């Protein structure tokens, strides 16, 4: 499967908050580095991060663009239909599994969005 196809499916799992589905795409030694939050190392810790975040927050990913180059997939997204919260992620795939994920997004917009959803 191409990085673009893998990311499309990853977004489906993310939007349905399917942690098991998401985790099927991560390498055991994966690193997830969301720049506002820091680095999470290892599949078990990444699982816990998703479980905690899905329990605490309402999150959705609207795809704006997906690009691929070799083993890399790049995802531009917005977190609401109006696009007031945007971000991007870089995914390095190794054998069809995410070995490195690095995300950039506006934490202040995220906090404001969560406050509006309460």
C-alpha atoms as a PDB file:
ATOM      1  CA  UNK A   1       0.000   0.000   0.000  1.00  0.00           C
ATOM      2  CA  UNK A   2       1.249   3.489  -0.798  1.00  0.00           C
ATOM      3  CA  UNK A   3       1.776   6.100   1.950  1.00  0.00           C
ATOM      4  CA  UNK A   4      -1.170   8.055   0.504  1.00  0.00           C
ATOM      5  CA  UNK A   5      -3.487   5.027   0.793  1.00  0.00           C
ATOM      6  CA  UNK A   6      -2.207   4.236   4.297  1.00  0.00           C
ATOM      7  CA  UNK A   7      -2.839   7.816   5.442  1.00  0.00           C
ATOM      8  CA  UNK A   8      -6.360   7.852   4.002  1.00  0.00           C
ATOM      9  CA  UNK A   9      -7.195   4.756   6.051  1.00  0.00           C
ATOM     10  CA  UNK A  10      -5.381   6.172   9.126  1.00  0.00           C
ATOM     11  CA  UNK A  11      -7.661   9.258   8.944  1.00  0.00           C
ATOM     12  CA  UNK A  12     -10.751   7.017   8.814  1.00  0.00           C
ATOM     13  CA  UNK A  13      -9.614   5.252  11.997  1.00  0.00           C
ATOM     14  CA  UNK A  14      -8.756   8.579  13.647  1.00  0.00           C
ATOM     15  CA  UNK A  15     -12.158  10.087  12.849  1.00  0.00           C
ATOM     16  CA  UNK A  16     -13.975   7.037  14.226  1.00  0.00           C
ATOM     17  CA  UNK A  17     -11.669   7.043  17.293  1.00  0.00           C
ATOM     18  CA  UNK A  18     -10.712   3.438  16.521  1.00  0.00           C
ATOM     19  CA  UNK A  19      -7.531   3.061  18.563  1.00  0.00           C
ATOM     20  CA  UNK A  20      -7.045  -0.588  17.559  1.00  0.00           C
ATOM     21  CA  UNK A  21      -7.324   0.383  13.897  1.00  0.00           C
ATOM     22  CA  UNK A  22      -4.849   3.223  14.349  1.00  0.00           C
ATOM     23  CA  UNK A  23      -2.398   1.029  16.188  1.00  0.00           C
ATOM     24  CA  UNK A  24      -2.406  -1.507  13.352  1.00  0.00           C
ATOM     25  CA  UNK A  25      -0.495   1.141  11.364  1.00  0.00           C
ATOM     26  CA  UNK A  26       2.281   1.745  13.922  1.00  0.00           C
ATOM     27  CA  UNK A  27       5.618  -0.033  14.167  1.00  0.00           C
ATOM     28  CA  UNK A  28       6.401  -1.369  17.680  1.00  0.00           C
ATOM     29  CA  UNK A  29       9.249   1.155  18.019  1.00  0.00           C
ATOM     30  CA  UNK A  30       7.379   4.103  16.483  1.00  0.00           C
ATOM     31  CA  UNK A  31       7.905   7.691  17.562  1.00  0.00           C
ATOM     32  CA  UNK A  32       5.017  10.162  17.531  1.00  0.00           C
ATOM     33  CA  UNK A  33       6.289  13.717  17.976  1.00  0.00           C
ATOM     34  CA  UNK A  34       3.515  16.272  18.125  1.00  0.00           C
ATOM     35  CA  UNK A  35       5.520  19.475  18.433  1.00  0.00           C
ATOM     36  CA  UNK A  36       3.132  21.203  20.871  1.00  0.00           C
ATOM     37  CA  UNK A  37       3.159  18.152  23.163  1.00  0.00           C
ATOM     38  CA  UNK A  38       6.551  16.485  22.788  1.00  0.00           C
ATOM     39  CA  UNK A  39       7.761  13.046  21.790  1.00  0.00           C
ATOM     40  CA  UNK A  40       5.968   9.752  22.538  1.00  0.00           C
ATOM     41  CA  UNK A  41       8.108   6.649  22.017  1.00  0.00           C
ATOM     42  CA  UNK A  42       6.795   3.124  21.463  1.00  0.00           C
ATOM     43  CA  UNK A  43       3.515   1.699  20.243  1.00  0.00           C
ATOM     44  CA  UNK A  44       2.126   1.088  23.760  1.00  0.00           C
ATOM     45  CA  UNK A  45       2.737   4.717  24.751  1.00  0.00           C
ATOM     46  CA  UNK A  46       1.232   5.993  21.500  1.00  0.00           C
ATOM     47  CA  UNK A  47      -1.842   3.840  22.172  1.00  0.00           C
ATOM     48  CA  UNK A  48      -2.202   5.387  25.624  1.00  0.00           C
ATOM     49  CA  UNK A  49      -1.851   8.884  24.124  1.00  0.00           C
ATOM     50  CA  UNK A  50      -4.689   8.241  21.655  1.00  0.00           C
ATOM     51  CA  UNK A  51      -6.902   6.652  24.331  1.00  0.00           C
ATOM     52  CA  UNK A  52      -6.362   9.606  26.672  1.00  0.00           C
ATOM     53  CA  UNK A  53      -6.894  12.228  23.969  1.00  0.00           C
ATOM     54  CA  UNK A  54     -10.042  10.603  22.559  1.00  0.00           C
ATOM     55  CA  UNK A  55     -11.449  10.379  26.076  1.00  0.00           C
ATOM     56  CA  UNK A  56     -10.723  14.073  26.790  1.00  0.00           C
ATOM     57  CA  UNK A  57     -11.302  15.827  23.471  1.00  0.00           C
ATOM     58  CA  UNK A  58     -13.552  15.905  20.454  1.00  0.00           C
ATOM     59  CA  UNK A  59     -11.233  15.637  17.475  1.00  0.00           C
ATOM     60  CA  UNK A  60     -11.808  15.257  13.767  1.00  0.00           C
ATOM     61  CA  UNK A  61      -9.473  15.393  10.791  1.00  0.00           C
ATOM     62  CA  UNK A  62     -10.695  16.914   7.547  1.00  0.00           C
ATOM     63  CA  UNK A  63      -8.168  16.099   4.824  1.00  0.00           C
ATOM     64  CA  UNK A  64      -7.002  19.052   2.782  1.00  0.00           C
ATOM     65  CA  UNK A  65      -4.110  17.325   0.986  1.00  0.00           C
ATOM     66  CA  UNK A  66      -2.152  14.109   1.133  1.00  0.00           C
ATOM     67  CA  UNK A  67       1.224  13.919  -0.556  1.00  0.00           C
ATOM     68  CA  UNK A  68       3.711  11.091  -0.795  1.00  0.00           C
ATOM     69  CA  UNK A  69       7.357  10.730  -1.650  1.00  0.00           C
ATOM     70  CA  UNK A  70       8.998   7.338  -1.341  1.00  0.00           C
ATOM     71  CA  UNK A  71       8.403   6.027   2.201  1.00  0.00           C
ATOM     72  CA  UNK A  72       6.963   9.371   3.376  1.00  0.00           C
ATOM     73  CA  UNK A  73       3.391  10.606   3.535  1.00  0.00           C
ATOM     74  CA  UNK A  74       2.432  14.194   4.299  1.00  0.00           C
ATOM     75  CA  UNK A  75      -1.024  15.156   5.526  1.00  0.00           C
ATOM     76  CA  UNK A  76      -2.440  18.684   5.547  1.00  0.00           C
ATOM     77  CA  UNK A  77      -5.615  18.830   7.604  1.00  0.00           C
ATOM     78  CA  UNK A  78      -8.120  21.059   9.296  1.00  0.00           C
ATOM     79  CA  UNK A  79      -9.919  20.324  12.537  1.00  0.00           C
ATOM     80  CA  UNK A  80     -13.210  21.971  11.697  1.00  0.00           C
ATOM     81  CA  UNK A  81     -15.224  22.572   8.530  1.00  0.00           C
ATOM     82  CA  UNK A  82     -14.410  26.310   8.553  1.00  0.00           C
ATOM     83  CA  UNK A  83     -10.672  25.672   8.718  1.00  0.00           C
ATOM     84  CA  UNK A  84     -10.003  27.834  11.777  1.00  0.00           C
ATOM     85  CA  UNK A  85      -7.701  25.110  13.103  1.00  0.00           C
ATOM     86  CA  UNK A  86      -5.141  23.647  10.751  1.00  0.00           C
ATOM     87  CA  UNK A  87      -2.132  21.413  10.942  1.00  0.00           C
ATOM     88  CA  UNK A  88       0.122  19.068   9.066  1.00  0.00           C
ATOM     89  CA  UNK A  89       1.758  15.750   9.758  1.00  0.00           C
ATOM     90  CA  UNK A  90       4.740  13.934   8.318  1.00  0.00           C
ATOM     91  CA  UNK A  91       4.697  10.137   8.425  1.00  0.00           C
ATOM     92  CA  UNK A  92       7.658   7.872   7.678  1.00  0.00           C
ATOM     93  CA  UNK A  93       6.493   4.376   6.757  1.00  0.00           C
ATOM     94  CA  UNK A  94       8.710   1.327   7.060  1.00  0.00           C
ATOM     95  CA  UNK A  95       7.230  -1.913   5.748  1.00  0.00           C
ATOM     96  CA  UNK A  96       3.744  -0.370   5.694  1.00  0.00           C
ATOM     97  CA  UNK A  97       3.966   0.753   9.338  1.00  0.00           C
ATOM     98  CA  UNK A  98       4.515   4.232  10.778  1.00  0.00           C
ATOM     99  CA  UNK A  99       7.990   4.425  12.277  1.00  0.00           C
ATOM    100  CA  UNK A 100       7.969   8.227  12.723  1.00  0.00           C
ATOM    101  CA  UNK A 101       5.118  10.711  12.883  1.00  0.00           C
ATOM    102  CA  UNK A 102       5.749  14.400  13.370  1.00  0.00           C
ATOM    103  CA  UNK A 103       2.873  16.851  13.633  1.00  0.00           C
ATOM    104  CA  UNK A 104       2.575  20.606  13.652  1.00  0.00           C
ATOM    105  CA  UNK A 105      -0.647  22.326  14.698  1.00  0.00           C
ATOM    106  CA  UNK A 106      -1.879  25.425  16.476  1.00  0.00           C
ATOM    107  CA  UNK A 107      -2.418  24.508  20.132  1.00  0.00           C
ATOM    108  CA  UNK A 108      -4.165  27.813  20.970  1.00  0.00           C
ATOM    109  CA  UNK A 109      -6.746  27.281  18.199  1.00  0.00           C
ATOM    110  CA  UNK A 110      -7.263  23.726  19.464  1.00  0.00           C
ATOM    111  CA  UNK A 111      -7.945  24.943  23.031  1.00  0.00           C
ATOM    112  CA  UNK A 112     -10.375  27.608  21.757  1.00  0.00           C
ATOM    113  CA  UNK A 113     -12.142  25.003  19.618  1.00  0.00           C
ATOM    114  CA  UNK A 114     -12.529  22.594  22.557  1.00  0.00           C
ATOM    115  CA  UNK A 115     -13.957  25.403  24.715  1.00  0.00           C
ATOM    116  CA  UNK A 116     -16.551  26.154  22.027  1.00  0.00           C
ATOM    117  CA  UNK A 117     -17.583  22.492  21.863  1.00  0.00           C
ATOM    118  CA  UNK A 118     -18.389  22.310  25.599  1.00  0.00           C
END
